[in-house]
Amino acid sequence: MAGLCEGSNEPAGSLKAIYTKNSVGLVGCIEEVAHNAIAVYWNPLESTAKLQNEVGVNDRDIERLQSGFSPTKKKRKYLNTDARISRIVERYENYKNSGDVVGYLLAIGHNIAGNF
């Protein structure tokens, strides 16, 4: 019968209560849920190695800066974003005095989100 979960009289889109030892929840047809599931495998050793590598890169960059080397040049789009955000921050008192602090935060948020 089309539209029904196999072995059930309930429509495919209906909710079923799922009881486990630790929690109670509602899900759709169990076959549909199983079909849409994604297996995620996490390897703690690999994650640790990646984290240690990132820490090493950051430590190296800090040492280079402390020893007098110039930082790497920012991309133009980040320089432009920094300039726009600086102009907004300079106008903070105007936002504050007009009672539009939310507008201030939105302006900064829009500029940050534009780079992602």
PDB file of N, CA and C in Angstrom:
ATOM      1  N   MET A   1       0.842  -1.175   0.000  1.00  0.00           N
ATOM      2  CA  MET A   1       0.000   0.000   0.000  1.00  0.00           C
ATOM      3  C   MET A   1       0.885   1.236   0.000  1.00  0.00           C
ATOM      4  N   ALA A   2       0.730   2.114  -0.952  1.00  0.00           N
ATOM      5  CA  ALA A   2       1.579   3.303  -1.097  1.00  0.00           C
ATOM      6  C   ALA A   2       1.293   4.292   0.017  1.00  0.00           C
ATOM      7  N   GLY A   3       2.345   4.940   0.488  1.00  0.00           N
ATOM      8  CA  GLY A   3       2.193   5.962   1.498  1.00  0.00           C
ATOM      9  C   GLY A   3       2.177   5.443   2.918  1.00  0.00           C
ATOM     10  N   LEU A   4       2.273   4.128   3.098  1.00  0.00           N
ATOM     11  CA  LEU A   4       2.292   3.579   4.452  1.00  0.00           C
ATOM     12  C   LEU A   4       3.662   3.013   4.754  1.00  0.00           C
ATOM     13  N   CYS A   5       4.029   3.036   6.020  1.00  0.00           N
ATOM     14  CA  CYS A   5       5.263   2.385   6.436  1.00  0.00           C
ATOM     15  C   CYS A   5       5.051   0.889   6.323  1.00  0.00           C
ATOM     16  N   GLU A   6       6.085   0.194   5.912  1.00  0.00           N
ATOM     17  CA  GLU A   6       5.997  -1.242   5.732  1.00  0.00           C
ATOM     18  C   GLU A   6       5.653  -1.909   7.056  1.00  0.00           C
ATOM     19  N   GLY A   7       4.636  -2.761   7.056  1.00  0.00           N
ATOM     20  CA  GLY A   7       4.226  -3.489   8.254  1.00  0.00           C
ATOM     21  C   GLY A   7       3.459  -2.632   9.244  1.00  0.00           C
ATOM     22  N   SER A   8       2.943  -1.493   8.811  1.00  0.00           N
ATOM     23  CA  SER A   8       2.240  -0.592   9.709  1.00  0.00           C
ATOM     24  C   SER A   8       1.001  -0.064   9.022  1.00  0.00           C
ATOM     25  N   ASN A   9       0.028   0.337   9.809  1.00  0.00           N
ATOM     26  CA  ASN A   9      -1.175   0.949   9.261  1.00  0.00           C
ATOM     27  C   ASN A   9      -1.083   2.473   9.299  1.00  0.00           C
ATOM     28  N   GLU A  10       0.086   2.993   9.706  1.00  0.00           N
ATOM     29  CA  GLU A  10       0.244   4.434   9.821  1.00  0.00           C
ATOM     30  C   GLU A  10       0.809   5.009   8.530  1.00  0.00           C
ATOM     31  N   PRO A  11       0.382   6.213   8.160  1.00  0.00           N
ATOM     32  CA  PRO A  11       0.954   6.856   6.979  1.00  0.00           C
ATOM     33  C   PRO A  11       2.448   7.112   7.180  1.00  0.00           C
ATOM     34  N   ALA A  12       3.184   7.221   6.089  1.00  0.00           N
ATOM     35  CA  ALA A  12       4.635   7.388   6.141  1.00  0.00           C
ATOM     36  C   ALA A  12       5.038   8.661   6.883  1.00  0.00           C
ATOM     37  N   GLY A  13       4.257   9.694   6.843  1.00  0.00           N
ATOM     38  CA  GLY A  13       4.613  10.945   7.489  1.00  0.00           C
ATOM     39  C   GLY A  13       4.190  11.038   8.944  1.00  0.00           C
ATOM     40  N   SER A  14       3.545  10.019   9.496  1.00  0.00           N
ATOM     41  CA  SER A  14       3.059  10.109  10.864  1.00  0.00           C
ATOM     42  C   SER A  14       4.201   9.967  11.866  1.00  0.00           C
ATOM     43  N   LEU A  15       3.943  10.411  13.069  1.00  0.00           N
ATOM     44  CA  LEU A  15       4.952  10.356  14.122  1.00  0.00           C
ATOM     45  C   LEU A  15       4.743   9.127  14.983  1.00  0.00           C
ATOM     46  N   LYS A  16       5.826   8.548  15.447  1.00  0.00           N
ATOM     47  CA  LYS A  16       5.768   7.428  16.364  1.00  0.00           C
ATOM     48  C   LYS A  16       6.547   7.796  17.606  1.00  0.00           C
ATOM     49  N   ALA A  17       6.086   7.338  18.753  1.00  0.00           N
ATOM     50  CA  ALA A  17       6.831   7.568  19.981  1.00  0.00           C
ATOM     51  C   ALA A  17       7.949   6.542  20.053  1.00  0.00           C
ATOM     52  N   ILE A  18       9.131   6.982  20.352  1.00  0.00           N
ATOM     53  CA  ILE A  18      10.289   6.115  20.488  1.00  0.00           C
ATOM     54  C   ILE A  18      10.707   6.158  21.951  1.00  0.00           C
ATOM     55  N   TYR A  19      10.711   5.022  22.575  1.00  0.00           N
ATOM     56  CA  TYR A  19      11.098   4.936  23.971  1.00  0.00           C
ATOM     57  C   TYR A  19      12.440   4.239  24.070  1.00  0.00           C
ATOM     58  N   THR A  20      13.374   4.886  24.726  1.00  0.00           N
ATOM     59  CA  THR A  20      14.660   4.269  24.981  1.00  0.00           C
ATOM     60  C   THR A  20      14.901   4.307  26.473  1.00  0.00           C
ATOM     61  N   LYS A  21      15.981   3.743  26.910  1.00  0.00           N
ATOM     62  CA  LYS A  21      16.270   3.680  28.329  1.00  0.00           C
ATOM     63  C   LYS A  21      16.453   5.087  28.918  1.00  0.00           C
ATOM     64  N   ASN A  22      17.013   6.006  28.121  1.00  0.00           N
ATOM     65  CA  ASN A  22      17.354   7.314  28.652  1.00  0.00           C
ATOM     66  C   ASN A  22      16.438   8.449  28.210  1.00  0.00           C
ATOM     67  N   SER A  23      15.647   8.254  27.158  1.00  0.00           N
ATOM     68  CA  SER A  23      14.860   9.375  26.682  1.00  0.00           C
ATOM     69  C   SER A  23      13.626   8.895  25.935  1.00  0.00           C
ATOM     70  N   VAL A  24      12.718   9.835  25.716  1.00  0.00           N
ATOM     71  CA  VAL A  24      11.513   9.586  24.940  1.00  0.00           C
ATOM     72  C   VAL A  24      11.479  10.641  23.851  1.00  0.00           C
ATOM     73  N   GLY A  25      11.197  10.241  22.619  1.00  0.00           N
ATOM     74  CA  GLY A  25      11.154  11.212  21.536  1.00  0.00           C
ATOM     75  C   GLY A  25      10.162  10.803  20.479  1.00  0.00           C
ATOM     76  N   LEU A  26       9.912  11.690  19.529  1.00  0.00           N
ATOM     77  CA  LEU A  26       9.012  11.412  18.418  1.00  0.00           C
ATOM     78  C   LEU A  26       9.798  11.452  17.127  1.00  0.00           C
ATOM     79  N   VAL A  27       9.609  10.454  16.294  1.00  0.00           N
ATOM     80  CA  VAL A  27      10.240  10.420  14.983  1.00  0.00           C
ATOM     81  C   VAL A  27       9.212   9.973  13.970  1.00  0.00           C
ATOM     82  N   GLY A  28       9.537  10.107  12.706  1.00  0.00           N
ATOM     83  CA  GLY A  28       8.664   9.632  11.642  1.00  0.00           C
ATOM     84  C   GLY A  28       8.820   8.132  11.472  1.00  0.00           C
ATOM     85  N   CYS A  29       8.341   7.632  10.364  1.00  0.00           N
ATOM     86  CA  CYS A  29       8.418   6.208  10.044  1.00  0.00           C
ATOM     87  C   CYS A  29       9.858   5.726  10.222  1.00  0.00           C
ATOM     88  N   ILE A  30      10.061   4.652  10.964  1.00  0.00           N
ATOM     89  CA  ILE A  30      11.413   4.205  11.305  1.00  0.00           C
ATOM     90  C   ILE A  30      12.217   3.841  10.056  1.00  0.00           C
ATOM     91  N   GLU A  31      11.567   3.308   9.021  1.00  0.00           N
ATOM     92  CA  GLU A  31      12.276   2.993   7.791  1.00  0.00           C
ATOM     93  C   GLU A  31      12.761   4.275   7.122  1.00  0.00           C
ATOM     94  N   GLU A  32      11.937   5.313   7.183  1.00  0.00           N
ATOM     95  CA  GLU A  32      12.312   6.600   6.598  1.00  0.00           C
ATOM     96  C   GLU A  32      13.474   7.216   7.375  1.00  0.00           C
ATOM     97  N   VAL A  33      13.427   7.119   8.687  1.00  0.00           N
ATOM     98  CA  VAL A  33      14.493   7.655   9.519  1.00  0.00           C
ATOM     99  C   VAL A  33      15.787   6.900   9.239  1.00  0.00           C
ATOM    100  N   ALA A  34      15.714   5.578   9.154  1.00  0.00           N
ATOM    101  CA  ALA A  34      16.903   4.770   8.906  1.00  0.00           C
ATOM    102  C   ALA A  34      17.491   5.069   7.528  1.00  0.00           C
ATOM    103  N   HIS A  35      16.623   5.315   6.558  1.00  0.00           N
ATOM    104  CA  HIS A  35      17.084   5.611   5.203  1.00  0.00           C
ATOM    105  C   HIS A  35      17.823   6.941   5.151  1.00  0.00           C
ATOM    106  N   ASN A  36      17.376   7.915   5.950  1.00  0.00           N
ATOM    107  CA  ASN A  36      17.962   9.250   5.937  1.00  0.00           C
ATOM    108  C   ASN A  36      19.129   9.406   6.912  1.00  0.00           C
ATOM    109  N   ALA A  37      19.480   8.346   7.633  1.00  0.00           N
ATOM    110  CA  ALA A  37      20.550   8.435   8.624  1.00  0.00           C
ATOM    111  C   ALA A  37      21.909   8.588   7.955  1.00  0.00           C
ATOM    112  N   ILE A  38      22.793   9.275   8.637  1.00  0.00           N
ATOM    113  CA  ILE A  38      24.158   9.468   8.157  1.00  0.00           C
ATOM    114  C   ILE A  38      25.090   8.883   9.202  1.00  0.00           C
ATOM    115  N   ALA A  39      25.992   8.043   8.764  1.00  0.00           N
ATOM    116  CA  ALA A  39      26.966   7.466   9.680  1.00  0.00           C
ATOM    117  C   ALA A  39      28.139   8.430   9.825  1.00  0.00           C
ATOM    118  N   VAL A  40      28.497   8.738  11.056  1.00  0.00           N
ATOM    119  CA  VAL A  40      29.616   9.624  11.333  1.00  0.00           C
ATOM    120  C   VAL A  40      30.618   8.840  12.154  1.00  0.00           C
ATOM    121  N   TYR A  41      31.829   8.773  11.654  1.00  0.00           N
ATOM    122  CA  TYR A  41      32.885   8.065  12.363  1.00  0.00           C
ATOM    123  C   TYR A  41      33.886   9.089  12.860  1.00  0.00           C
ATOM    124  N   TRP A  42      34.218   9.007  14.136  1.00  0.00           N
ATOM    125  CA  TRP A  42      35.144   9.936  14.740  1.00  0.00           C
ATOM    126  C   TRP A  42      36.349   9.169  15.233  1.00  0.00           C
ATOM    127  N   ASN A  43      37.513   9.582  14.792  1.00  0.00           N
ATOM    128  CA  ASN A  43      38.741   8.950  15.207  1.00  0.00           C
ATOM    129  C   ASN A  43      39.474   9.919  16.131  1.00  0.00           C
ATOM    130  N   PRO A  44      39.472   9.665  17.447  1.00  0.00           N
ATOM    131  CA  PRO A  44      40.105  10.616  18.370  1.00  0.00           C
ATOM    132  C   PRO A  44      41.599  10.789  18.114  1.00  0.00           C
ATOM    133  N   LEU A  45      42.280   9.754  17.623  1.00  0.00           N
ATOM    134  CA  LEU A  45      43.712   9.876  17.359  1.00  0.00           C
ATOM    135  C   LEU A  45      43.967  10.841  16.209  1.00  0.00           C
ATOM    136  N   GLU A  46      43.125  10.754  15.173  1.00  0.00           N
ATOM    137  CA  GLU A  46      43.263  11.656  14.025  1.00  0.00           C
ATOM    138  C   GLU A  46      42.956  13.090  14.435  1.00  0.00           C
ATOM    139  N   SER A  47      41.919  13.271  15.248  1.00  0.00           N
ATOM    140  CA  SER A  47      41.553  14.616  15.700  1.00  0.00           C
ATOM    141  C   SER A  47      42.661  15.216  16.553  1.00  0.00           C
ATOM    142  N   THR A  48      43.259  14.414  17.410  1.00  0.00           N
ATOM    143  CA  THR A  48      44.347  14.898  18.252  1.00  0.00           C
ATOM    144  C   THR A  48      45.533  15.322  17.399  1.00  0.00           C
ATOM    145  N   ALA A  49      45.849  14.531  16.376  1.00  0.00           N
ATOM    146  CA  ALA A  49      46.966  14.861  15.497  1.00  0.00           C
ATOM    147  C   ALA A  49      46.699  16.172  14.764  1.00  0.00           C
ATOM    148  N   LYS A  50      45.468  16.376  14.288  1.00  0.00           N
ATOM    149  CA  LYS A  50      45.126  17.621  13.590  1.00  0.00           C
ATOM    150  C   LYS A  50      45.231  18.819  14.539  1.00  0.00           C
ATOM    151  N   LEU A  51      44.759  18.630  15.772  1.00  0.00           N
ATOM    152  CA  LEU A  51      44.815  19.706  16.751  1.00  0.00           C
ATOM    153  C   LEU A  51      46.268  20.048  17.099  1.00  0.00           C
ATOM    154  N   GLN A  52      47.095  19.033  17.295  1.00  0.00           N
ATOM    155  CA  GLN A  52      48.508  19.265  17.602  1.00  0.00           C
ATOM    156  C   GLN A  52      49.198  19.985  16.440  1.00  0.00           C
ATOM    157  N   ASN A  53      48.859  19.622  15.221  1.00  0.00           N
ATOM    158  CA  ASN A  53      49.427  20.290  14.051  1.00  0.00           C
ATOM    159  C   ASN A  53      49.024  21.759  14.029  1.00  0.00           C
ATOM    160  N   GLU A  54      47.760  22.040  14.296  1.00  0.00           N
ATOM    161  CA  GLU A  54      47.279  23.421  14.298  1.00  0.00           C
ATOM    162  C   GLU A  54      47.964  24.233  15.395  1.00  0.00           C
ATOM    163  N   VAL A  55      48.141  23.642  16.574  1.00  0.00           N
ATOM    164  CA  VAL A  55      48.833  24.326  17.666  1.00  0.00           C
ATOM    165  C   VAL A  55      50.277  24.626  17.260  1.00  0.00           C
ATOM    166  N   GLY A  56      50.918  23.656  16.601  1.00  0.00           N
ATOM    167  CA  GLY A  56      52.287  23.866  16.135  1.00  0.00           C
ATOM    168  C   GLY A  56      52.393  25.001  15.134  1.00  0.00           C
ATOM    169  N   VAL A  57      51.448  25.077  14.219  1.00  0.00           N
ATOM    170  CA  VAL A  57      51.431  26.152  13.216  1.00  0.00           C
ATOM    171  C   VAL A  57      51.245  27.506  13.906  1.00  0.00           C
ATOM    172  N   ASN A  58      50.319  27.570  14.867  1.00  0.00           N
ATOM    173  CA  ASN A  58      50.090  28.826  15.586  1.00  0.00           C
ATOM    174  C   ASN A  58      51.324  29.236  16.390  1.00  0.00           C
ATOM    175  N   ASP A  59      51.948  28.271  17.059  1.00  0.00           N
ATOM    176  CA  ASP A  59      53.170  28.567  17.828  1.00  0.00           C
ATOM    177  C   ASP A  59      54.274  29.096  16.913  1.00  0.00           C
ATOM    178  N   ARG A  60      54.422  28.484  15.746  1.00  0.00           N
ATOM    179  CA  ARG A  60      55.440  28.935  14.791  1.00  0.00           C
ATOM    180  C   ARG A  60      55.165  30.360  14.329  1.00  0.00           C
ATOM    181  N   ASP A  61      53.898  30.651  14.043  1.00  0.00           N
ATOM    182  CA  ASP A  61      53.539  31.998  13.595  1.00  0.00           C
ATOM    183  C   ASP A  61      53.801  33.034  14.690  1.00  0.00           C
ATOM    184  N   ILE A  62      53.483  32.695  15.928  1.00  0.00           N
ATOM    185  CA  ILE A  62      53.719  33.615  17.046  1.00  0.00           C
ATOM    186  C   ILE A  62      55.214  33.873  17.205  1.00  0.00           C
ATOM    187  N   GLU A  63      56.020  32.821  17.129  1.00  0.00           N
ATOM    188  CA  GLU A  63      57.467  32.981  17.253  1.00  0.00           C
ATOM    189  C   GLU A  63      58.024  33.855  16.129  1.00  0.00           C
ATOM    190  N   ARG A  64      57.515  33.686  14.920  1.00  0.00           N
ATOM    191  CA  ARG A  64      57.984  34.501  13.792  1.00  0.00           C
ATOM    192  C   ARG A  64      57.649  35.983  14.031  1.00  0.00           C
ATOM    193  N   LEU A  65      56.442  36.251  14.541  1.00  0.00           N
ATOM    194  CA  LEU A  65      56.050  37.635  14.807  1.00  0.00           C
ATOM    195  C   LEU A  65      56.895  38.235  15.927  1.00  0.00           C
ATOM    196  N   GLN A  66      57.150  37.441  16.973  1.00  0.00           N
ATOM    197  CA  GLN A  66      57.947  37.935  18.102  1.00  0.00           C
ATOM    198  C   GLN A  66      59.401  38.184  17.702  1.00  0.00           C
ATOM    199  N   SER A  67      59.890  37.458  16.707  1.00  0.00           N
ATOM    200  CA  SER A  67      61.276  37.640  16.291  1.00  0.00           C
ATOM    201  C   SER A  67      61.437  38.741  15.249  1.00  0.00           C
ATOM    202  N   GLY A  68      60.367  39.429  14.915  1.00  0.00           N
ATOM    203  CA  GLY A  68      60.479  40.598  14.055  1.00  0.00           C
ATOM    204  C   GLY A  68      60.022  40.420  12.622  1.00  0.00           C
ATOM    205  N   PHE A  69      59.583  39.240  12.230  1.00  0.00           N
ATOM    206  CA  PHE A  69      59.083  39.051  10.871  1.00  0.00           C
ATOM    207  C   PHE A  69      57.719  39.722  10.722  1.00  0.00           C
ATOM    208  N   SER A  70      57.419  40.187   9.545  1.00  0.00           N
ATOM    209  CA  SER A  70      56.130  40.815   9.272  1.00  0.00           C
ATOM    210  C   SER A  70      55.045  39.750   9.150  1.00  0.00           C
ATOM    211  N   PRO A  71      53.836  40.078   9.603  1.00  0.00           N
ATOM    212  CA  PRO A  71      52.737  39.128   9.409  1.00  0.00           C
ATOM    213  C   PRO A  71      52.397  39.020   7.923  1.00  0.00           C
ATOM    214  N   THR A  72      51.737  37.926   7.557  1.00  0.00           N
ATOM    215  CA  THR A  72      51.344  37.768   6.157  1.00  0.00           C
ATOM    216  C   THR A  72      50.294  38.824   5.821  1.00  0.00           C
ATOM    217  N   LYS A  73      50.316  39.287   4.577  1.00  0.00           N
ATOM    218  CA  LYS A  73      49.401  40.327   4.140  1.00  0.00           C
ATOM    219  C   LYS A  73      47.980  39.775   4.048  1.00  0.00           C
ATOM    220  N   LYS A  74      47.014  40.583   4.518  1.00  0.00           N
ATOM    221  CA  LYS A  74      45.609  40.188   4.443  1.00  0.00           C
ATOM    222  C   LYS A  74      45.114  40.307   3.008  1.00  0.00           C
ATOM    223  N   LYS A  75      44.120  39.495   2.685  1.00  0.00           N
ATOM    224  CA  LYS A  75      43.480  39.615   1.373  1.00  0.00           C
ATOM    225  C   LYS A  75      42.695  40.924   1.314  1.00  0.00           C
ATOM    226  N   ARG A  76      42.530  41.433   0.102  1.00  0.00           N
ATOM    227  CA  ARG A  76      41.844  42.711  -0.083  1.00  0.00           C
ATOM    228  C   ARG A  76      40.431  42.708   0.517  1.00  0.00           C
ATOM    229  N   LYS A  77      39.700  41.611   0.344  1.00  0.00           N
ATOM    230  CA  LYS A  77      38.315  41.607   0.849  1.00  0.00           C
ATOM    231  C   LYS A  77      38.299  41.739   2.369  1.00  0.00           C
ATOM    232  N   TYR A  78      39.313  41.197   3.068  1.00  0.00           N
ATOM    233  CA  TYR A  78      39.366  41.320   4.520  1.00  0.00           C
ATOM    234  C   TYR A  78      39.799  42.729   4.925  1.00  0.00           C
ATOM    235  N   LEU A  79      40.677  43.343   4.146  1.00  0.00           N
ATOM    236  CA  LEU A  79      41.062  44.733   4.412  1.00  0.00           C
ATOM    237  C   LEU A  79      39.851  45.654   4.268  1.00  0.00           C
ATOM    238  N   ASN A  80      39.053  45.417   3.220  1.00  0.00           N
ATOM    239  CA  ASN A  80      37.844  46.231   3.016  1.00  0.00           C
ATOM    240  C   ASN A  80      36.848  46.024   4.152  1.00  0.00           C
ATOM    241  N   THR A  81      36.680  44.785   4.580  1.00  0.00           N
ATOM    242  CA  THR A  81      35.761  44.495   5.681  1.00  0.00           C
ATOM    243  C   THR A  81      36.243  45.165   6.962  1.00  0.00           C
ATOM    244  N   ASP A  82      37.537  45.093   7.244  1.00  0.00           N
ATOM    245  CA  ASP A  82      38.088  45.747   8.430  1.00  0.00           C
ATOM    246  C   ASP A  82      37.805  47.246   8.402  1.00  0.00           C
ATOM    247  N   ALA A  83      37.954  47.867   7.237  1.00  0.00           N
ATOM    248  CA  ALA A  83      37.712  49.306   7.110  1.00  0.00           C
ATOM    249  C   ALA A  83      36.234  49.636   7.352  1.00  0.00           C
ATOM    250  N   ARG A  84      35.334  48.821   6.789  1.00  0.00           N
ATOM    251  CA  ARG A  84      33.893  49.063   6.990  1.00  0.00           C
ATOM    252  C   ARG A  84      33.517  48.906   8.457  1.00  0.00           C
ATOM    253  N   ILE A  85      34.026  47.856   9.103  1.00  0.00           N
ATOM    254  CA  ILE A  85      33.702  47.624  10.512  1.00  0.00           C
ATOM    255  C   ILE A  85      34.281  48.749  11.372  1.00  0.00           C
ATOM    256  N   SER A  86      35.468  49.230  11.050  1.00  0.00           N
ATOM    257  CA  SER A  86      36.068  50.349  11.796  1.00  0.00           C
ATOM    258  C   SER A  86      35.193  51.599  11.696  1.00  0.00           C
ATOM    259  N   ARG A  87      34.649  51.865  10.505  1.00  0.00           N
ATOM    260  CA  ARG A  87      33.762  53.026  10.342  1.00  0.00           C
ATOM    261  C   ARG A  87      32.495  52.870  11.180  1.00  0.00           C
ATOM    262  N   ILE A  88      31.967  51.655  11.250  1.00  0.00           N
ATOM    263  CA  ILE A  88      30.764  51.411  12.062  1.00  0.00           C
ATOM    264  C   ILE A  88      31.091  51.603  13.537  1.00  0.00           C
ATOM    265  N   VAL A  89      32.229  51.071  13.988  1.00  0.00           N
ATOM    266  CA  VAL A  89      32.628  51.184  15.392  1.00  0.00           C
ATOM    267  C   VAL A  89      32.841  52.653  15.765  1.00  0.00           C
ATOM    268  N   GLU A  90      33.396  53.453  14.856  1.00  0.00           N
ATOM    269  CA  GLU A  90      33.593  54.877  15.119  1.00  0.00           C
ATOM    270  C   GLU A  90      32.263  55.597  15.328  1.00  0.00           C
ATOM    271  N   ARG A  91      31.192  55.084  14.741  1.00  0.00           N
ATOM    272  CA  ARG A  91      29.866  55.702  14.872  1.00  0.00           C
ATOM    273  C   ARG A  91      29.034  55.077  15.993  1.00  0.00           C
ATOM    274  N   TYR A  92      29.676  54.295  16.883  1.00  0.00           N
ATOM    275  CA  TYR A  92      28.934  53.613  17.953  1.00  0.00           C
ATOM    276  C   TYR A  92      28.130  54.604  18.803  1.00  0.00           C
ATOM    277  N   GLU A  93      28.738  55.743  19.168  1.00  0.00           N
ATOM    278  CA  GLU A  93      28.038  56.720  20.016  1.00  0.00           C
ATOM    279  C   GLU A  93      26.755  57.215  19.355  1.00  0.00           C
ATOM    280  N   ASN A  94      26.779  57.377  18.030  1.00  0.00           N
ATOM    281  CA  ASN A  94      25.564  57.799  17.318  1.00  0.00           C
ATOM    282  C   ASN A  94      24.468  56.751  17.455  1.00  0.00           C
ATOM    283  N   TYR A  95      24.849  55.476  17.288  1.00  0.00           N
ATOM    284  CA  TYR A  95      23.873  54.393  17.462  1.00  0.00           C
ATOM    285  C   TYR A  95      23.343  54.378  18.894  1.00  0.00           C
ATOM    286  N   LYS A  96      24.253  54.520  19.856  1.00  0.00           N
ATOM    287  CA  LYS A  96      23.882  54.466  21.274  1.00  0.00           C
ATOM    288  C   LYS A  96      22.950  55.611  21.642  1.00  0.00           C
ATOM    289  N   ASN A  97      23.282  56.814  21.202  1.00  0.00           N
ATOM    290  CA  ASN A  97      22.464  57.981  21.528  1.00  0.00           C
ATOM    291  C   ASN A  97      21.079  57.910  20.902  1.00  0.00           C
ATOM    292  N   SER A  98      20.979  57.294  19.732  1.00  0.00           N
ATOM    293  CA  SER A  98      19.665  57.180  19.089  1.00  0.00           C
ATOM    294  C   SER A  98      18.904  55.943  19.574  1.00  0.00           C
ATOM    295  N   GLY A  99      19.514  55.160  20.477  1.00  0.00           N
ATOM    296  CA  GLY A  99      18.833  53.983  21.020  1.00  0.00           C
ATOM    297  C   GLY A  99      18.774  52.826  20.038  1.00  0.00           C
ATOM    298  N   ASP A 100      19.687  52.794  19.093  1.00  0.00           N
ATOM    299  CA  ASP A 100      19.669  51.760  18.055  1.00  0.00           C
ATOM    300  C   ASP A 100      20.903  50.853  18.158  1.00  0.00           C
ATOM    301  N   VAL A 101      21.119  50.308  19.353  1.00  0.00           N
ATOM    302  CA  VAL A 101      22.260  49.417  19.550  1.00  0.00           C
ATOM    303  C   VAL A 101      22.073  48.135  18.736  1.00  0.00           C
ATOM    304  N   VAL A 102      20.828  47.698  18.577  1.00  0.00           N
ATOM    305  CA  VAL A 102      20.558  46.508  17.764  1.00  0.00           C
ATOM    306  C   VAL A 102      20.951  46.773  16.314  1.00  0.00           C
ATOM    307  N   GLY A 103      20.671  47.966  15.820  1.00  0.00           N
ATOM    308  CA  GLY A 103      21.080  48.335  14.464  1.00  0.00           C
ATOM    309  C   GLY A 103      22.591  48.307  14.312  1.00  0.00           C
ATOM    310  N   TYR A 104      23.299  48.746  15.370  1.00  0.00           N
ATOM    311  CA  TYR A 104      24.765  48.705  15.381  1.00  0.00           C
ATOM    312  C   TYR A 104      25.254  47.265  15.251  1.00  0.00           C
ATOM    313  N   LEU A 105      24.698  46.383  16.063  1.00  0.00           N
ATOM    314  CA  LEU A 105      25.099  44.978  16.018  1.00  0.00           C
ATOM    315  C   LEU A 105      24.756  44.340  14.676  1.00  0.00           C
ATOM    316  N   LEU A 106      23.606  44.696  14.127  1.00  0.00           N
ATOM    317  CA  LEU A 106      23.224  44.163  12.812  1.00  0.00           C
ATOM    318  C   LEU A 106      24.193  44.632  11.728  1.00  0.00           C
ATOM    319  N   ALA A 107      24.603  45.891  11.798  1.00  0.00           N
ATOM    320  CA  ALA A 107      25.535  46.425  10.799  1.00  0.00           C
ATOM    321  C   ALA A 107      26.864  45.678  10.851  1.00  0.00           C
ATOM    322  N   ILE A 108      27.358  45.428  12.057  1.00  0.00           N
ATOM    323  CA  ILE A 108      28.607  44.676  12.186  1.00  0.00           C
ATOM    324  C   ILE A 108      28.406  43.239  11.719  1.00  0.00           C
ATOM    325  N   GLY A 109      27.298  42.640  12.116  1.00  0.00           N
ATOM    326  CA  GLY A 109      27.023  41.259  11.716  1.00  0.00           C
ATOM    327  C   GLY A 109      26.925  41.086  10.221  1.00  0.00           C
ATOM    328  N   HIS A 110      26.284  42.040   9.560  1.00  0.00           N
ATOM    329  CA  HIS A 110      26.162  41.950   8.097  1.00  0.00           C
ATOM    330  C   HIS A 110      27.519  42.044   7.415  1.00  0.00           C
ATOM    331  N   ASN A 111      28.391  42.855   7.955  1.00  0.00           N
ATOM    332  CA  ASN A 111      29.726  42.998   7.374  1.00  0.00           C
ATOM    333  C   ASN A 111      30.568  41.751   7.604  1.00  0.00           C
ATOM    334  N   ILE A 112      30.422  41.137   8.757  1.00  0.00           N
ATOM    335  CA  ILE A 112      31.165  39.913   9.031  1.00  0.00           C
ATOM    336  C   ILE A 112      30.623  38.773   8.183  1.00  0.00           C
ATOM    337  N   ALA A 113      29.296  38.653   8.123  1.00  0.00           N
ATOM    338  CA  ALA A 113      28.671  37.547   7.376  1.00  0.00           C
ATOM    339  C   ALA A 113      28.919  37.656   5.884  1.00  0.00           C
ATOM    340  N   GLY A 114      29.203  38.819   5.375  1.00  0.00           N
ATOM    341  CA  GLY A 114      29.451  39.005   3.953  1.00  0.00           C
ATOM    342  C   GLY A 114      30.722  38.319   3.463  1.00  0.00           C
ATOM    343  N   ASN A 115      31.585  37.908   4.379  1.00  0.00           N
ATOM    344  CA  ASN A 115      32.847  37.273   3.995  1.00  0.00           C
ATOM    345  C   ASN A 115      32.809  35.755   4.046  1.00  0.00           C
ATOM    346  N   PHE A 116      31.682  35.199   4.415  1.00  0.00           N
ATOM    347  CA  PHE A 116      31.612  33.737   4.529  1.00  0.00           C
ATOM    348  C   PHE A 116      30.721  33.123   3.497  1.00  0.00           C
TER     349      PHE A 116
END
